[in-house]
């Protein structure tokens, strides 16, 4: 799988971060703070190395209940 294949656009559930009630949510916020930025359309972009795709899979499962990477 190429890096481009690992990148997908998805919408975060509204209110997902209203309550930080797990270490996984805290870790995702940290990832966004350290490796993310907002793009011109208001989306969140996270730039990682290909080897970090497993992190994205875990976060996808947390947010959506399935792997969307």
Protein backbone atom coordinates (compact mmCIF):
# COMPACT_ATOMS: atom_id res chain seq x y z
CA UNK A 1 0.00 0.00 0.00
CA UNK A 2 1.34 3.43 -0.88
CA UNK A 3 1.15 6.40 1.44
CA UNK A 4 -1.48 7.94 -0.83
CA UNK A 5 -3.61 4.81 -0.42
CA UNK A 6 -3.41 5.20 3.38
CA UNK A 7 -4.79 8.76 3.29
CA UNK A 8 -8.56 9.14 3.44
CA UNK A 9 -10.91 12.03 4.17
CA UNK A 10 -13.49 11.44 6.87
CA UNK A 11 -15.62 13.61 9.10
CA UNK A 12 -15.09 13.53 12.84
CA UNK A 13 -18.23 12.87 14.85
CA UNK A 14 -19.65 16.14 16.16
CA UNK A 15 -18.81 16.46 19.85
CA UNK A 16 -16.20 13.70 19.80
CA UNK A 17 -13.75 15.77 21.82
CA UNK A 18 -16.32 17.42 24.11
CA UNK A 19 -15.24 15.04 26.86
CA UNK A 20 -11.71 13.60 26.98
CA UNK A 21 -12.62 10.40 28.79
CA UNK A 22 -9.92 8.01 27.58
CA UNK A 23 -6.19 7.89 27.08
CA UNK A 24 -6.81 7.18 23.39
CA UNK A 25 -8.67 10.47 22.93
CA UNK A 26 -5.89 12.29 24.78
CA UNK A 27 -3.29 10.64 22.56
CA UNK A 28 -5.21 11.62 19.42
CA UNK A 29 -5.38 15.23 20.58
CA UNK A 30 -1.64 15.13 21.21
CA UNK A 31 -1.06 13.76 17.71
CA UNK A 32 -3.16 16.52 16.18
CA UNK A 33 -1.31 19.13 18.24
CA UNK A 34 2.13 17.81 17.33
CA UNK A 35 1.70 16.64 13.72
CA UNK A 36 -1.53 18.24 12.55
CA UNK A 37 -2.87 21.48 11.19
CA UNK A 38 -6.10 22.91 9.80
CA UNK A 39 -6.32 23.23 6.06
CA UNK A 40 -8.02 26.01 4.11
CA UNK A 41 -11.39 24.21 4.16
CA UNK A 42 -11.38 23.72 7.94
CA UNK A 43 -10.32 20.09 7.89
CA UNK A 44 -7.62 18.56 10.05
CA UNK A 45 -4.53 17.25 8.27
CA UNK A 46 -2.16 14.91 10.10
CA UNK A 47 1.22 14.30 8.48
CA UNK A 48 2.96 11.10 9.53
CA UNK A 49 5.51 8.68 8.23
CA UNK A 50 4.26 5.54 6.50
CA UNK A 51 5.36 3.42 9.47
CA UNK A 52 2.85 5.30 11.65
CA UNK A 53 -0.17 4.03 9.69
CA UNK A 54 -0.99 1.65 12.56
CA UNK A 55 -1.66 4.67 14.78
CA UNK A 56 -4.14 5.97 12.23
CA UNK A 57 -5.88 2.58 12.10
CA UNK A 58 -6.28 2.56 15.89
CA UNK A 59 -7.63 6.11 15.90
CA UNK A 60 -9.99 5.28 13.03
CA UNK A 61 -11.39 2.40 15.07
CA UNK A 62 -11.80 4.71 18.07
CA UNK A 63 -13.58 7.43 16.12
CA UNK A 64 -15.63 5.41 13.64
CA UNK A 65 -15.70 1.89 15.09
CA UNK A 66 -13.97 0.64 11.94
CA UNK A 67 -10.74 1.05 10.00
CA UNK A 68 -11.16 3.77 7.37
CA UNK A 69 -7.47 4.16 6.50
